[in-house]
Amino acid sequence: MTRPPSAAQRRVIEGADPVTGRLRGTEAQLTALVRRGLAFRHPRPPHEHFLTPAGHRIREAVAEPVTQEPAPDGGVFAARVGGAEEPPGDAAVRLREVRSAWQGLLELRRMTNPDGAVDRPCGWERAHLVRAAALALEAAGHRPADGGADGYRVRATPQPEAVAVYAPDAESLAACAATLAGAGWQAGEYTEPRTRVRYLLASPRRV
């Protein structure tokens, strides 16, 4: 059985960028993580190191839950999936954080998709479906549901590689579908049989 990472290696993994997985550490630490399959060295200059899916899983084991809000004043960034939580205190700061996270995600697509494409989701997004879909919506200016107003809500589903997206009305739902399509997702409208509520079923596009 593979032994777990050392305490020093875990600190490097936990300190990775929450969106891109970019690592910071000594050359010896990064090389050790590469040998263990927890990181890879990007082939193009400046040859930075990033978490592999296995490394992301270790990081997620100690990260905040997907539905949790980012901690104030420099905490871990998390896309807002929509719920009863209160909105961020400083809207301008949140806007900058979201834009930065989205640009980081596009860069991750460029670096990790085999053909360098940025118009379709990458492996990180397929491993974090709810968070990835929520980031695409929030970055496009859609309002998540919170304690003070209705808005979109992104939820996991039993289906592999699919999330459910709810919105307050038909117009908002259609706008969410258009945003996700533009971000490289496939989204179709469905009706819940019991409640008759309309929702989107969205999956990352592969080609």
C-alpha atoms as a PDB file:
ATOM      1  CA  MET A   1       0.000   0.000   0.000  1.00  0.00           C
ATOM      2  CA  THR A   2       1.328   3.453  -0.899  1.00  0.00           C
ATOM      3  CA  ARG A   3       2.398   5.346   2.175  1.00  0.00           C
ATOM      4  CA  PRO A   4       0.752   8.725   2.741  1.00  0.00           C
ATOM      5  CA  PRO A   5       2.584  11.977   1.982  1.00  0.00           C
ATOM      6  CA  SER A   6       4.867  13.361   4.650  1.00  0.00           C
ATOM      7  CA  ALA A   7       3.780  16.349   6.721  1.00  0.00           C
ATOM      8  CA  ALA A   8       5.959  18.658   4.611  1.00  0.00           C
ATOM      9  CA  GLN A   9       4.504  17.263   1.390  1.00  0.00           C
ATOM     10  CA  ARG A  10       0.955  17.688   2.706  1.00  0.00           C
ATOM     11  CA  ARG A  11       1.676  21.334   3.493  1.00  0.00           C
ATOM     12  CA  VAL A  12       2.799  21.858  -0.106  1.00  0.00           C
ATOM     13  CA  ILE A  13      -0.312  20.087  -1.419  1.00  0.00           C
ATOM     14  CA  GLU A  14      -2.644  22.018   0.886  1.00  0.00           C
ATOM     15  CA  GLY A  15      -0.988  25.277  -0.189  1.00  0.00           C
ATOM     16  CA  ALA A  16      -1.740  24.649  -3.882  1.00  0.00           C
ATOM     17  CA  ASP A  17      -3.820  27.161  -5.775  1.00  0.00           C
ATOM     18  CA  PRO A  18      -7.438  25.994  -5.214  1.00  0.00           C
ATOM     19  CA  VAL A  19      -8.389  26.407  -8.882  1.00  0.00           C
ATOM     20  CA  THR A  20      -5.285  25.720 -10.988  1.00  0.00           C
ATOM     21  CA  GLY A  21      -3.487  23.385  -8.578  1.00  0.00           C
ATOM     22  CA  ARG A  22      -0.235  25.328  -9.043  1.00  0.00           C
ATOM     23  CA  LEU A  23       2.307  24.327  -6.410  1.00  0.00           C
ATOM     24  CA  ARG A  24       4.965  26.215  -4.505  1.00  0.00           C
ATOM     25  CA  GLY A  25       7.782  24.405  -2.720  1.00  0.00           C
ATOM     26  CA  THR A  26      11.422  23.444  -2.844  1.00  0.00           C
ATOM     27  CA  GLU A  27      12.716  21.579  -5.863  1.00  0.00           C
ATOM     28  CA  ALA A  28      13.171  18.468  -3.716  1.00  0.00           C
ATOM     29  CA  GLN A  29       9.586  18.625  -2.428  1.00  0.00           C
ATOM     30  CA  LEU A  30       8.134  19.112  -5.901  1.00  0.00           C
ATOM     31  CA  THR A  31      10.272  16.342  -7.385  1.00  0.00           C
ATOM     32  CA  ALA A  32       9.143  13.972  -4.640  1.00  0.00           C
ATOM     33  CA  LEU A  33       5.487  14.752  -5.361  1.00  0.00           C
ATOM     34  CA  VAL A  34       6.067  14.113  -9.069  1.00  0.00           C
ATOM     35  CA  ARG A  35       7.654  10.728  -8.287  1.00  0.00           C
ATOM     36  CA  ARG A  36       4.609   9.792  -6.214  1.00  0.00           C
ATOM     37  CA  GLY A  37       2.190  10.780  -8.981  1.00  0.00           C
ATOM     38  CA  LEU A  38       0.721  13.655  -6.964  1.00  0.00           C
ATOM     39  CA  ALA A  39       2.120  16.434  -9.157  1.00  0.00           C
ATOM     40  CA  PHE A  40       3.407  16.986 -12.676  1.00  0.00           C
ATOM     41  CA  ARG A  41       5.943  19.400 -14.144  1.00  0.00           C
ATOM     42  CA  HIS A  42       4.525  21.380 -17.029  1.00  0.00           C
ATOM     43  CA  PRO A  43       6.564  20.764 -20.206  1.00  0.00           C
ATOM     44  CA  ARG A  44       6.476  24.395 -21.326  1.00  0.00           C
ATOM     45  CA  PRO A  45       8.419  27.240 -19.666  1.00  0.00           C
ATOM     46  CA  PRO A  46       8.434  28.301 -16.900  1.00  0.00           C
ATOM     47  CA  HIS A  47       7.991  24.571 -16.105  1.00  0.00           C
ATOM     48  CA  GLU A  48       5.803  25.084 -13.059  1.00  0.00           C
ATOM     49  CA  HIS A  49       4.407  22.200 -11.032  1.00  0.00           C
ATOM     50  CA  PHE A  50       0.704  21.356 -10.679  1.00  0.00           C
ATOM     51  CA  LEU A  51      -1.353  18.805  -8.785  1.00  0.00           C
ATOM     52  CA  THR A  52      -2.470  15.670 -10.598  1.00  0.00           C
ATOM     53  CA  PRO A  53      -6.025  14.338  -9.999  1.00  0.00           C
ATOM     54  CA  ALA A  54      -4.564  12.164  -7.212  1.00  0.00           C
ATOM     55  CA  GLY A  55      -2.976  15.233  -5.646  1.00  0.00           C
ATOM     56  CA  HIS A  56      -6.264  17.133  -5.898  1.00  0.00           C
ATOM     57  CA  ARG A  57      -8.040  14.302  -4.077  1.00  0.00           C
ATOM     58  CA  ILE A  58      -5.610  14.580  -1.183  1.00  0.00           C
ATOM     59  CA  ARG A  59      -6.081  18.342  -1.090  1.00  0.00           C
ATOM     60  CA  GLU A  60      -9.870  18.019  -1.201  1.00  0.00           C
ATOM     61  CA  ALA A  61      -9.784  15.655   1.771  1.00  0.00           C
ATOM     62  CA  VAL A  62      -8.776  18.574   3.990  1.00  0.00           C
ATOM     63  CA  ALA A  63     -10.338  21.449   2.023  1.00  0.00           C
ATOM     64  CA  GLU A  64     -13.611  23.181   2.847  1.00  0.00           C
ATOM     65  CA  PRO A  65     -16.791  21.473   1.617  1.00  0.00           C
ATOM     66  CA  VAL A  66     -17.973  22.569  -1.812  1.00  0.00           C
ATOM     67  CA  THR A  67     -21.042  24.298  -0.422  1.00  0.00           C
ATOM     68  CA  GLN A  68     -19.058  26.370   2.072  1.00  0.00           C
ATOM     69  CA  GLU A  69     -18.412  30.014   1.408  1.00  0.00           C
ATOM     70  CA  PRO A  70     -14.819  31.229   1.116  1.00  0.00           C
ATOM     71  CA  ALA A  71     -13.427  32.429   4.386  1.00  0.00           C
ATOM     72  CA  PRO A  72     -13.248  36.229   4.660  1.00  0.00           C
ATOM     73  CA  ASP A  73      -9.995  38.146   4.416  1.00  0.00           C
ATOM     74  CA  GLY A  74      -7.872  35.790   2.389  1.00  0.00           C
ATOM     75  CA  GLY A  75      -9.513  32.419   2.968  1.00  0.00           C
ATOM     76  CA  VAL A  76      -9.788  29.628   0.435  1.00  0.00           C
ATOM     77  CA  PHE A  77     -11.746  30.630  -2.664  1.00  0.00           C
ATOM     78  CA  ALA A  78     -14.890  28.630  -3.416  1.00  0.00           C
ATOM     79  CA  ALA A  79     -17.439  29.276  -6.111  1.00  0.00           C
ATOM     80  CA  ARG A  80     -20.876  30.087  -4.719  1.00  0.00           C
ATOM     81  CA  VAL A  81     -23.210  27.203  -5.522  1.00  0.00           C
ATOM     82  CA  GLY A  82     -26.337  28.970  -4.243  1.00  0.00           C
ATOM     83  CA  GLY A  83     -28.050  28.414  -0.923  1.00  0.00           C
ATOM     84  CA  ALA A  84     -29.192  30.092   2.261  1.00  0.00           C
ATOM     85  CA  GLU A  85     -25.808  31.626   3.118  1.00  0.00           C
ATOM     86  CA  GLU A  86     -25.350  35.373   3.279  1.00  0.00           C
ATOM     87  CA  PRO A  87     -23.709  37.159   0.308  1.00  0.00           C
ATOM     88  CA  PRO A  88     -20.065  38.321   0.579  1.00  0.00           C
ATOM     89  CA  GLY A  89     -19.602  41.525   2.521  1.00  0.00           C
ATOM     90  CA  ASP A  90     -17.594  43.341  -0.173  1.00  0.00           C
ATOM     91  CA  ALA A  91     -19.084  42.822  -3.627  1.00  0.00           C
ATOM     92  CA  ALA A  92     -16.153  44.496  -5.410  1.00  0.00           C
ATOM     93  CA  VAL A  93     -13.616  42.210  -3.733  1.00  0.00           C
ATOM     94  CA  ARG A  94     -15.722  39.168  -4.554  1.00  0.00           C
ATOM     95  CA  LEU A  95     -15.968  40.237  -8.192  1.00  0.00           C
ATOM     96  CA  ARG A  96     -12.174  40.474  -8.447  1.00  0.00           C
ATOM     97  CA  GLU A  97     -11.781  37.056  -6.810  1.00  0.00           C
ATOM     98  CA  VAL A  98     -14.259  35.445  -9.201  1.00  0.00           C
ATOM     99  CA  ARG A  99     -12.665  36.997 -12.280  1.00  0.00           C
ATOM    100  CA  SER A 100      -9.226  35.885 -11.120  1.00  0.00           C
ATOM    101  CA  ALA A 101     -10.471  32.345 -10.462  1.00  0.00           C
ATOM    102  CA  TRP A 102     -12.099  32.150 -13.894  1.00  0.00           C
ATOM    103  CA  GLN A 103      -8.933  33.332 -15.645  1.00  0.00           C
ATOM    104  CA  GLY A 104      -6.982  30.775 -13.642  1.00  0.00           C
ATOM    105  CA  LEU A 105      -9.385  28.064 -14.754  1.00  0.00           C
ATOM    106  CA  LEU A 106      -9.008  29.037 -18.408  1.00  0.00           C
ATOM    107  CA  GLU A 107      -5.240  28.850 -17.989  1.00  0.00           C
ATOM    108  CA  LEU A 108      -5.600  25.414 -16.402  1.00  0.00           C
ATOM    109  CA  ARG A 109      -7.615  24.313 -19.436  1.00  0.00           C
ATOM    110  CA  ARG A 110      -4.890  25.597 -21.747  1.00  0.00           C
ATOM    111  CA  MET A 111      -2.180  23.755 -19.851  1.00  0.00           C
ATOM    112  CA  THR A 112      -3.940  20.451 -19.190  1.00  0.00           C
ATOM    113  CA  ASN A 113      -6.221  19.814 -22.194  1.00  0.00           C
ATOM    114  CA  PRO A 114      -4.175  17.749 -24.671  1.00  0.00           C
ATOM    115  CA  ASP A 115      -4.675  20.245 -27.500  1.00  0.00           C
ATOM    116  CA  GLY A 116      -4.457  23.330 -25.268  1.00  0.00           C
ATOM    117  CA  ALA A 117      -8.125  24.168 -25.885  1.00  0.00           C
ATOM    118  CA  VAL A 118      -9.761  26.670 -23.541  1.00  0.00           C
ATOM    119  CA  ASP A 119     -13.301  26.289 -24.912  1.00  0.00           C
ATOM    120  CA  ARG A 120     -14.078  23.025 -23.125  1.00  0.00           C
ATOM    121  CA  PRO A 121     -13.701  21.848 -19.507  1.00  0.00           C
ATOM    122  CA  CYS A 122     -10.561  20.147 -18.247  1.00  0.00           C
ATOM    123  CA  GLY A 123      -9.959  17.254 -15.877  1.00  0.00           C
ATOM    124  CA  TRP A 124     -10.167  19.431 -12.757  1.00  0.00           C
ATOM    125  CA  GLU A 125     -13.661  20.551 -13.719  1.00  0.00           C
ATOM    126  CA  ARG A 126     -14.801  16.966 -14.330  1.00  0.00           C
ATOM    127  CA  ALA A 127     -13.579  16.092 -10.839  1.00  0.00           C
ATOM    128  CA  HIS A 128     -15.322  19.147  -9.267  1.00  0.00           C
ATOM    129  CA  LEU A 129     -18.536  19.415 -11.271  1.00  0.00           C
ATOM    130  CA  VAL A 130     -20.626  21.525  -8.883  1.00  0.00           C
ATOM    131  CA  ARG A 131     -17.852  23.989  -8.150  1.00  0.00           C
ATOM    132  CA  ALA A 132     -16.848  24.267 -11.818  1.00  0.00           C
ATOM    133  CA  ALA A 133     -20.389  24.923 -13.062  1.00  0.00           C
ATOM    134  CA  ALA A 134     -20.989  27.442 -10.275  1.00  0.00           C
ATOM    135  CA  LEU A 135     -17.776  29.300 -11.137  1.00  0.00           C
ATOM    136  CA  ALA A 136     -18.811  29.546 -14.800  1.00  0.00           C
ATOM    137  CA  LEU A 137     -22.173  31.006 -13.774  1.00  0.00           C
ATOM    138  CA  GLU A 138     -20.828  33.404 -11.161  1.00  0.00           C
ATOM    139  CA  ALA A 139     -18.037  34.606 -13.475  1.00  0.00           C
ATOM    140  CA  ALA A 140     -20.657  35.437 -16.123  1.00  0.00           C
ATOM    141  CA  GLY A 141     -22.543  37.643 -13.681  1.00  0.00           C
ATOM    142  CA  HIS A 142     -25.394  35.349 -12.632  1.00  0.00           C
ATOM    143  CA  ARG A 143     -26.518  35.816  -9.054  1.00  0.00           C
ATOM    144  CA  PRO A 144     -26.425  32.794  -6.755  1.00  0.00           C
ATOM    145  CA  ALA A 145     -29.291  32.222  -4.342  1.00  0.00           C
ATOM    146  CA  ASP A 146     -28.521  33.504  -0.855  1.00  0.00           C
ATOM    147  CA  GLY A 147     -30.226  34.590   2.322  1.00  0.00           C
ATOM    148  CA  GLY A 148     -31.451  37.816   0.751  1.00  0.00           C
ATOM    149  CA  ALA A 149     -32.452  36.963  -2.816  1.00  0.00           C
ATOM    150  CA  ASP A 150     -33.263  34.107  -5.121  1.00  0.00           C
ATOM    151  CA  GLY A 151     -30.842  33.034  -7.812  1.00  0.00           C
ATOM    152  CA  TYR A 152     -29.177  30.011  -9.324  1.00  0.00           C
ATOM    153  CA  ARG A 153     -28.482  26.838  -7.355  1.00  0.00           C
ATOM    154  CA  VAL A 154     -26.084  24.133  -8.556  1.00  0.00           C
ATOM    155  CA  ARG A 155     -26.482  20.656  -7.117  1.00  0.00           C
ATOM    156  CA  ALA A 156     -24.857  17.264  -7.579  1.00  0.00           C
ATOM    157  CA  THR A 157     -26.853  14.484  -9.246  1.00  0.00           C
ATOM    158  CA  PRO A 158     -26.615  10.685  -9.217  1.00  0.00           C
ATOM    159  CA  GLN A 159     -25.627  10.799 -12.886  1.00  0.00           C
ATOM    160  CA  PRO A 160     -21.909  10.698 -13.696  1.00  0.00           C
ATOM    161  CA  GLU A 161     -20.480  13.991 -14.948  1.00  0.00           C
ATOM    162  CA  ALA A 162     -23.762  15.888 -14.569  1.00  0.00           C
ATOM    163  CA  VAL A 163     -25.043  18.644 -12.284  1.00  0.00           C
ATOM    164  CA  ALA A 164     -28.508  20.092 -11.839  1.00  0.00           C
ATOM    165  CA  VAL A 165     -28.942  23.858 -12.115  1.00  0.00           C
ATOM    166  CA  TYR A 166     -32.055  25.606 -10.789  1.00  0.00           C
ATOM    167  CA  ALA A 167     -33.058  29.227 -11.397  1.00  0.00           C
ATOM    168  CA  PRO A 168     -35.947  31.461 -10.219  1.00  0.00           C
ATOM    169  CA  ASP A 169     -37.750  31.611 -13.578  1.00  0.00           C
ATOM    170  CA  ALA A 170     -37.686  30.389 -17.169  1.00  0.00           C
ATOM    171  CA  GLU A 171     -35.742  33.409 -18.425  1.00  0.00           C
ATOM    172  CA  SER A 172     -33.023  32.990 -15.809  1.00  0.00           C
ATOM    173  CA  LEU A 173     -32.815  29.260 -16.502  1.00  0.00           C
ATOM    174  CA  ALA A 174     -32.370  29.894 -20.224  1.00  0.00           C
ATOM    175  CA  ALA A 175     -29.662  32.467 -19.480  1.00  0.00           C
ATOM    176  CA  CYS A 176     -27.816  29.951 -17.291  1.00  0.00           C
ATOM    177  CA  ALA A 177     -28.044  27.385 -20.102  1.00  0.00           C
ATOM    178  CA  ALA A 178     -26.545  29.879 -22.571  1.00  0.00           C
ATOM    179  CA  THR A 179     -23.708  30.716 -20.182  1.00  0.00           C
ATOM    180  CA  LEU A 180     -22.849  27.078 -19.564  1.00  0.00           C
ATOM    181  CA  ALA A 181     -22.946  26.320 -23.294  1.00  0.00           C
ATOM    182  CA  GLY A 182     -20.530  29.188 -23.896  1.00  0.00           C
ATOM    183  CA  ALA A 183     -18.257  27.815 -21.155  1.00  0.00           C
ATOM    184  CA  GLY A 184     -18.030  24.387 -22.785  1.00  0.00           C
ATOM    185  CA  TRP A 185     -20.903  22.559 -21.100  1.00  0.00           C
ATOM    186  CA  GLN A 186     -23.880  20.743 -22.588  1.00  0.00           C
ATOM    187  CA  ALA A 187     -27.110  21.785 -20.891  1.00  0.00           C
ATOM    188  CA  GLY A 188     -30.675  20.642 -21.473  1.00  0.00           C
ATOM    189  CA  GLU A 189     -33.927  21.560 -19.708  1.00  0.00           C
ATOM    190  CA  TYR A 190     -35.881  18.919 -17.826  1.00  0.00           C
ATOM    191  CA  THR A 191     -38.883  18.782 -15.478  1.00  0.00           C
ATOM    192  CA  GLU A 192     -38.891  17.050 -12.112  1.00  0.00           C
ATOM    193  CA  PRO A 193     -41.749  14.515 -12.278  1.00  0.00           C
ATOM    194  CA  ARG A 194     -42.984  15.077  -8.722  1.00  0.00           C
ATOM    195  CA  THR A 195     -42.619  18.850  -8.279  1.00  0.00           C
ATOM    196  CA  ARG A 196     -42.858  19.898 -11.952  1.00  0.00           C
ATOM    197  CA  VAL A 197     -39.908  22.230 -11.338  1.00  0.00           C
ATOM    198  CA  ARG A 198     -37.831  22.985 -14.424  1.00  0.00           C
ATOM    199  CA  TYR A 199     -34.074  22.598 -14.174  1.00  0.00           C
ATOM    200  CA  LEU A 200     -30.952  22.172 -16.295  1.00  0.00           C
ATOM    201  CA  LEU A 201     -28.960  18.987 -16.478  1.00  0.00           C
ATOM    202  CA  ALA A 202     -25.444  20.084 -17.448  1.00  0.00           C
ATOM    203  CA  SER A 203     -22.338  18.075 -18.330  1.00  0.00           C
ATOM    204  CA  PRO A 204     -18.833  19.122 -19.428  1.00  0.00           C
ATOM    205  CA  ARG A 205     -18.409  18.848 -23.191  1.00  0.00           C
ATOM    206  CA  ARG A 206     -15.670  16.466 -24.328  1.00  0.00           C
ATOM    207  CA  VAL A 207     -15.202  17.635 -27.939  1.00  0.00           C
END
